[in-house]
Structure formats: C-alpha cells, structure tokens
Amino acid sequence: MTSGCSVSLLDRPLGRPLHCPALAELVGGGGCATVVNSALVRNIGQIDILEAATQVLALILGADLIEENNIRIATSSLVADLNASVPALLSLLKEGKTMESRVEFARFWGAVLSSSDQESKASIVDKSDLIPELIRLIGEEKMDRSSIDAGLECLNAIIGIRRARLQMVREVIPR
C-alpha cells in the first residue's frame, strides 16, 4: 500500500518540506497533532518517545500540503497546555542524544514559534529555559554551523518579545 508520499516519512530529516497527500488528509482536522501532543505530555522524561513524537509533529509542520490553518491547529494544541508541553519539548533540546538531534529539535522549536502568535511566544519564553538552551546551542565549542543556524532561527522567532530580548542580553553578558 502506498501513502502517496514522494519520500519515506521516517527517512526524511526534520525541517525538510514534504509533499504527502496522505499526511495532509490525516492532519486535515488537527486530530493527529492533538494525539501526538498528548503523547508528548504523557511521556516527559522518556527521550526516545519524545523524539519520535516530535519527529511526527515536525512532519506535520513541514508538509507542503498542510494548510496554514492546520499548522496553527497543530501548534495551538502544544500552546494550549504550556505547563505540560514546554517542559517535554525543552527536555529534548537539553538532553538530545546527539548534537544533530538537538539541532533538529531547535528547528522544530523554530517552526512552533514561527507559527505562534505573540502572546503564545511570550508565554513560552516566560515558562521555560528555552533562551539559555538556545544560547548554549549556538555557543557550543565545536561552533557547528547547523546548530548556530537553528539556534539563531529560534531566537529570531522570539526577538519581538521584549522580555525575550532582555533575557537574551542577560544570558550573554557576564555578571
């Protein structure tokens, strides 16, 4: 049975556009993202499950045929319960098994933040250690270009939030 996708869903790196009519059909009403978000919240601390759930959400956010409204539905279910979803997603950025996985989760954060409204972005910044983790990602000793790009993409998505700018400055200026 073919999914109608131009590439395998599981072999595709995060952040790459995907043309997949079957995925568009599954996501159409937002229910798929809600189920995956629920899996995130229920499995805090289980990095393997969190990584898999986040990869599914990244597929949803990166699919070419997903309408902008459905992307908002997918991210709104994450934002609806920030107290549960943000720690789960942040743990992936902090505890990802490899630099590559941490970069992929930073890209995922960038997609979530880019499709969120200002109030949601402010809530995410207020409720998390996202900024310190992004600064740590872009300041890694190896100076990996992909980690710098992913970290800066996320920081750029929240630069319009005054509190975020203040926190960014506090993180980089020694006291």
C-alpha atoms as a PDB file:
ATOM      1  CA  MET A   1       0.000   0.000   0.000  1.00  0.00           C
ATOM      2  CA  THR A   2       1.441   3.375  -0.955  1.00  0.00           C
ATOM      3  CA  SER A   3       0.992   6.539   1.043  1.00  0.00           C
ATOM      4  CA  GLY A   4       1.216   8.839  -1.957  1.00  0.00           C
ATOM      5  CA  CYS A   5       4.280  10.481  -0.419  1.00  0.00           C
ATOM      6  CA  SER A   6       7.292  11.387  -2.516  1.00  0.00           C
ATOM      7  CA  VAL A   7       9.688  10.138   0.223  1.00  0.00           C
ATOM      8  CA  SER A   8       9.517   7.800   3.167  1.00  0.00           C
ATOM      9  CA  LEU A   9       8.082   9.627   6.147  1.00  0.00           C
ATOM     10  CA  LEU A  10      10.546   8.006   8.533  1.00  0.00           C
ATOM     11  CA  ASP A  11      13.700   8.579   6.476  1.00  0.00           C
ATOM     12  CA  ARG A  12      13.104  12.296   5.991  1.00  0.00           C
ATOM     13  CA  PRO A  13      15.149  14.743   8.106  1.00  0.00           C
ATOM     14  CA  LEU A  14      13.252  17.286  10.199  1.00  0.00           C
ATOM     15  CA  GLY A  15      12.713  20.675   8.656  1.00  0.00           C
ATOM     16  CA  ARG A  16      12.628  19.483   5.042  1.00  0.00           C
ATOM     17  CA  PRO A  17       9.460  20.177   3.027  1.00  0.00           C
ATOM     18  CA  LEU A  18       7.371  17.104   2.348  1.00  0.00           C
ATOM     19  CA  HIS A  19       4.800  16.573  -0.392  1.00  0.00           C
ATOM     20  CA  CYS A  20       2.445  13.953   1.022  1.00  0.00           C
ATOM     21  CA  PRO A  21      -1.294  13.984   0.241  1.00  0.00           C
ATOM     22  CA  ALA A  22      -1.928  11.116   2.690  1.00  0.00           C
ATOM     23  CA  LEU A  23      -0.386  13.093   5.535  1.00  0.00           C
ATOM     24  CA  ALA A  24      -2.437  16.132   4.554  1.00  0.00           C
ATOM     25  CA  GLU A  25      -5.578  14.008   4.776  1.00  0.00           C
ATOM     26  CA  LEU A  26      -4.628  12.667   8.234  1.00  0.00           C
ATOM     27  CA  VAL A  27      -3.823  16.089   9.612  1.00  0.00           C
ATOM     28  CA  GLY A  28      -6.771  17.863   7.991  1.00  0.00           C
ATOM     29  CA  GLY A  29      -8.837  18.310  11.149  1.00  0.00           C
ATOM     30  CA  GLY A  30      -5.997  18.729  13.608  1.00  0.00           C
ATOM     31  CA  GLY A  31      -6.762  15.484  15.443  1.00  0.00           C
ATOM     32  CA  CYS A  32      -3.473  13.822  14.516  1.00  0.00           C
ATOM     33  CA  ALA A  33      -1.415  16.626  16.055  1.00  0.00           C
ATOM     34  CA  THR A  34      -3.568  16.604  19.176  1.00  0.00           C
ATOM     35  CA  VAL A  35      -2.908  12.887  19.681  1.00  0.00           C
ATOM     36  CA  VAL A  36       0.838  13.343  19.191  1.00  0.00           C
ATOM     37  CA  ASN A  37       0.856  16.313  21.581  1.00  0.00           C
ATOM     38  CA  SER A  38      -0.887  14.135  24.137  1.00  0.00           C
ATOM     39  CA  ALA A  39       1.875  11.545  23.747  1.00  0.00           C
ATOM     40  CA  LEU A  40       4.447  14.269  24.408  1.00  0.00           C
ATOM     41  CA  VAL A  41       2.791  15.340  27.632  1.00  0.00           C
ATOM     42  CA  ARG A  42       2.290  11.787  28.925  1.00  0.00           C
ATOM     43  CA  ASN A  43       5.903  10.756  28.307  1.00  0.00           C
ATOM     44  CA  ILE A  44       8.011  13.533  29.833  1.00  0.00           C
ATOM     45  CA  GLY A  45      11.432  12.133  30.641  1.00  0.00           C
ATOM     46  CA  GLN A  46      11.274   9.317  28.077  1.00  0.00           C
ATOM     47  CA  ILE A  47      13.576  10.810  25.460  1.00  0.00           C
ATOM     48  CA  ASP A  48      13.042   8.071  22.834  1.00  0.00           C
ATOM     49  CA  ILE A  49       9.260   8.538  22.867  1.00  0.00           C
ATOM     50  CA  LEU A  50       9.565  12.330  22.949  1.00  0.00           C
ATOM     51  CA  GLU A  51      11.944  12.262  19.986  1.00  0.00           C
ATOM     52  CA  ALA A  52       9.549  10.077  17.972  1.00  0.00           C
ATOM     53  CA  ALA A  53       6.524  12.250  18.815  1.00  0.00           C
ATOM     54  CA  THR A  54       8.425  15.400  17.909  1.00  0.00           C
ATOM     55  CA  GLN A  55       9.502  13.908  14.590  1.00  0.00           C
ATOM     56  CA  VAL A  56       5.849  13.211  13.755  1.00  0.00           C
ATOM     57  CA  LEU A  57       4.939  16.805  14.662  1.00  0.00           C
ATOM     58  CA  ALA A  58       7.851  18.058  12.554  1.00  0.00           C
ATOM     59  CA  LEU A  59       6.499  16.058   9.615  1.00  0.00           C
ATOM     60  CA  ILE A  60       3.148  17.734  10.108  1.00  0.00           C
ATOM     61  CA  LEU A  61       4.672  21.209  10.323  1.00  0.00           C
ATOM     62  CA  GLY A  62       6.950  20.629   7.326  1.00  0.00           C
ATOM     63  CA  ALA A  63       4.486  19.051   4.915  1.00  0.00           C
ATOM     64  CA  ASP A  64       3.851  21.038   1.734  1.00  0.00           C
ATOM     65  CA  LEU A  65       0.150  20.209   1.525  1.00  0.00           C
ATOM     66  CA  ILE A  66      -0.749  21.134   5.081  1.00  0.00           C
ATOM     67  CA  GLU A  67      -2.767  24.333   5.071  1.00  0.00           C
ATOM     68  CA  GLU A  68      -1.606  27.182   7.281  1.00  0.00           C
ATOM     69  CA  ASN A  69      -4.761  26.847   9.376  1.00  0.00           C
ATOM     70  CA  ASN A  70      -3.967  23.188  10.139  1.00  0.00           C
ATOM     71  CA  ILE A  71      -0.417  24.117  11.125  1.00  0.00           C
ATOM     72  CA  ARG A  72      -1.938  26.593  13.577  1.00  0.00           C
ATOM     73  CA  ILE A  73      -4.185  23.821  14.912  1.00  0.00           C
ATOM     74  CA  ALA A  74      -1.142  21.587  15.389  1.00  0.00           C
ATOM     75  CA  THR A  75       0.808  24.241  17.266  1.00  0.00           C
ATOM     76  CA  SER A  76      -2.191  25.527  19.209  1.00  0.00           C
ATOM     77  CA  SER A  77      -2.614  22.164  20.913  1.00  0.00           C
ATOM     78  CA  LEU A  78       1.010  22.456  22.050  1.00  0.00           C
ATOM     79  CA  VAL A  79       0.488  26.011  23.229  1.00  0.00           C
ATOM     80  CA  ALA A  80      -2.853  25.217  24.902  1.00  0.00           C
ATOM     81  CA  ASP A  81      -1.110  23.348  27.707  1.00  0.00           C
ATOM     82  CA  LEU A  82       2.238  25.093  28.021  1.00  0.00           C
ATOM     83  CA  ASN A  83       2.840  23.795  31.531  1.00  0.00           C
ATOM     84  CA  ALA A  84       2.990  20.249  30.150  1.00  0.00           C
ATOM     85  CA  SER A  85       4.206  20.591  26.564  1.00  0.00           C
ATOM     86  CA  VAL A  86       7.035  23.096  27.009  1.00  0.00           C
ATOM     87  CA  PRO A  87       8.985  21.014  29.570  1.00  0.00           C
ATOM     88  CA  ALA A  88       8.636  17.940  27.342  1.00  0.00           C
ATOM     89  CA  LEU A  89       9.916  19.767  24.271  1.00  0.00           C
ATOM     90  CA  LEU A  90      12.604  21.634  26.186  1.00  0.00           C
ATOM     91  CA  SER A  91      13.952  18.369  27.598  1.00  0.00           C
ATOM     92  CA  LEU A  92      14.674  17.278  24.030  1.00  0.00           C
ATOM     93  CA  LEU A  93      16.766  20.371  23.427  1.00  0.00           C
ATOM     94  CA  LYS A  94      18.603  19.877  26.734  1.00  0.00           C
ATOM     95  CA  GLU A  95      19.001  16.105  26.640  1.00  0.00           C
ATOM     96  CA  GLY A  96      19.016  15.182  22.964  1.00  0.00           C
ATOM     97  CA  LYS A  97      21.307  12.214  22.400  1.00  0.00           C
ATOM     98  CA  THR A  98      23.466  13.894  19.756  1.00  0.00           C
ATOM     99  CA  MET A  99      24.245  17.398  18.559  1.00  0.00           C
ATOM    100  CA  GLU A 100      22.287  16.590  15.406  1.00  0.00           C
ATOM    101  CA  SER A 101      19.183  15.678  17.391  1.00  0.00           C
ATOM    102  CA  ARG A 102      19.477  18.862  19.463  1.00  0.00           C
ATOM    103  CA  VAL A 103      19.736  20.872  16.234  1.00  0.00           C
ATOM    104  CA  GLU A 104      16.647  19.122  14.847  1.00  0.00           C
ATOM    105  CA  PHE A 105      14.682  19.971  17.986  1.00  0.00           C
ATOM    106  CA  ALA A 106      15.825  23.591  17.781  1.00  0.00           C
ATOM    107  CA  ARG A 107      14.480  23.638  14.215  1.00  0.00           C
ATOM    108  CA  PHE A 108      11.241  22.171  15.479  1.00  0.00           C
ATOM    109  CA  TRP A 109      11.054  24.908  18.155  1.00  0.00           C
ATOM    110  CA  GLY A 110      11.642  27.439  15.379  1.00  0.00           C
ATOM    111  CA  ALA A 111       8.657  26.074  13.437  1.00  0.00           C
ATOM    112  CA  VAL A 112       6.447  26.126  16.539  1.00  0.00           C
ATOM    113  CA  LEU A 113       7.484  29.657  17.465  1.00  0.00           C
ATOM    114  CA  SER A 114       7.151  30.959  13.908  1.00  0.00           C
ATOM    115  CA  SER A 115       3.565  29.768  13.698  1.00  0.00           C
ATOM    116  CA  SER A 116       2.597  31.014  17.183  1.00  0.00           C
ATOM    117  CA  ASP A 117       1.071  34.383  17.992  1.00  0.00           C
ATOM    118  CA  GLN A 118       2.914  36.962  20.128  1.00  0.00           C
ATOM    119  CA  GLU A 119       1.037  36.033  23.310  1.00  0.00           C
ATOM    120  CA  SER A 120       1.915  32.352  22.932  1.00  0.00           C
ATOM    121  CA  LYS A 121       5.547  33.192  22.222  1.00  0.00           C
ATOM    122  CA  ALA A 122       5.665  35.344  25.353  1.00  0.00           C
ATOM    123  CA  SER A 123       4.142  32.527  27.404  1.00  0.00           C
ATOM    124  CA  ILE A 124       6.693  30.043  26.076  1.00  0.00           C
ATOM    125  CA  VAL A 125       9.540  32.412  26.920  1.00  0.00           C
ATOM    126  CA  ASP A 126       8.132  33.045  30.407  1.00  0.00           C
ATOM    127  CA  LYS A 127       7.571  29.371  31.206  1.00  0.00           C
ATOM    128  CA  SER A 128      10.823  27.872  30.007  1.00  0.00           C
ATOM    129  CA  ASP A 129      14.581  27.851  29.890  1.00  0.00           C
ATOM    130  CA  LEU A 130      14.407  27.996  26.119  1.00  0.00           C
ATOM    131  CA  ILE A 131      16.620  31.060  25.692  1.00  0.00           C
ATOM    132  CA  PRO A 132      19.513  29.745  27.822  1.00  0.00           C
ATOM    133  CA  GLU A 133      19.364  26.439  25.925  1.00  0.00           C
ATOM    134  CA  LEU A 134      19.393  28.202  22.551  1.00  0.00           C
ATOM    135  CA  ILE A 135      22.333  30.364  23.621  1.00  0.00           C
ATOM    136  CA  ARG A 136      24.121  27.214  24.773  1.00  0.00           C
ATOM    137  CA  LEU A 137      23.362  25.596  21.400  1.00  0.00           C
ATOM    138  CA  ILE A 138      24.819  28.473  19.383  1.00  0.00           C
ATOM    139  CA  GLY A 139      27.803  28.775  21.705  1.00  0.00           C
ATOM    140  CA  GLU A 140      28.864  25.113  21.635  1.00  0.00           C
ATOM    141  CA  GLU A 141      32.620  24.723  21.485  1.00  0.00           C
ATOM    142  CA  LYS A 142      32.540  22.961  18.108  1.00  0.00           C
ATOM    143  CA  MET A 143      30.897  26.021  16.518  1.00  0.00           C
ATOM    144  CA  ASP A 144      28.747  23.782  14.350  1.00  0.00           C
ATOM    145  CA  ARG A 145      27.125  25.863  11.604  1.00  0.00           C
ATOM    146  CA  SER A 146      23.829  23.945  11.682  1.00  0.00           C
ATOM    147  CA  SER A 147      23.478  24.389  15.455  1.00  0.00           C
ATOM    148  CA  ILE A 148      24.192  28.105  15.149  1.00  0.00           C
ATOM    149  CA  ASP A 149      21.656  28.482  12.320  1.00  0.00           C
ATOM    150  CA  ALA A 150      18.947  26.535  14.183  1.00  0.00           C
ATOM    151  CA  GLY A 151      19.540  28.412  17.440  1.00  0.00           C
ATOM    152  CA  LEU A 152      19.501  31.797  15.735  1.00  0.00           C
ATOM    153  CA  GLU A 153      16.321  30.872  13.830  1.00  0.00           C
ATOM    154  CA  CYS A 154      14.562  30.223  17.146  1.00  0.00           C
ATOM    155  CA  LEU A 155      15.924  33.363  18.770  1.00  0.00           C
ATOM    156  CA  ASN A 156      14.812  35.350  15.727  1.00  0.00           C
ATOM    157  CA  ALA A 157      11.275  33.953  16.097  1.00  0.00           C
ATOM    158  CA  ILE A 158      11.011  35.450  19.602  1.00  0.00           C
ATOM    159  CA  ILE A 159      13.059  38.635  19.177  1.00  0.00           C
ATOM    160  CA  GLY A 160       9.847  40.690  19.030  1.00  0.00           C
ATOM    161  CA  ILE A 161       9.066  39.803  22.659  1.00  0.00           C
ATOM    162  CA  ARG A 162      10.600  42.456  24.905  1.00  0.00           C
ATOM    163  CA  ARG A 163      11.136  40.057  27.818  1.00  0.00           C
ATOM    164  CA  ALA A 164      12.877  37.657  25.447  1.00  0.00           C
ATOM    165  CA  ARG A 165      15.302  40.360  24.315  1.00  0.00           C
ATOM    166  CA  LEU A 166      16.082  41.215  27.927  1.00  0.00           C
ATOM    167  CA  GLN A 167      16.656  37.568  28.775  1.00  0.00           C
ATOM    168  CA  MET A 168      18.925  37.127  25.732  1.00  0.00           C
ATOM    169  CA  VAL A 169      21.079  40.042  26.860  1.00  0.00           C
ATOM    170  CA  ARG A 170      21.228  38.724  30.426  1.00  0.00           C
ATOM    171  CA  GLU A 171      22.342  35.322  29.175  1.00  0.00           C
ATOM    172  CA  VAL A 172      25.288  36.598  27.144  1.00  0.00           C
ATOM    173  CA  ILE A 173      26.585  39.434  29.327  1.00  0.00           C
ATOM    174  CA  PRO A 174      28.649  38.152  32.264  1.00  0.00           C
ATOM    175  CA  ARG A 175      27.568  39.448  35.647  1.00  0.00           C
END
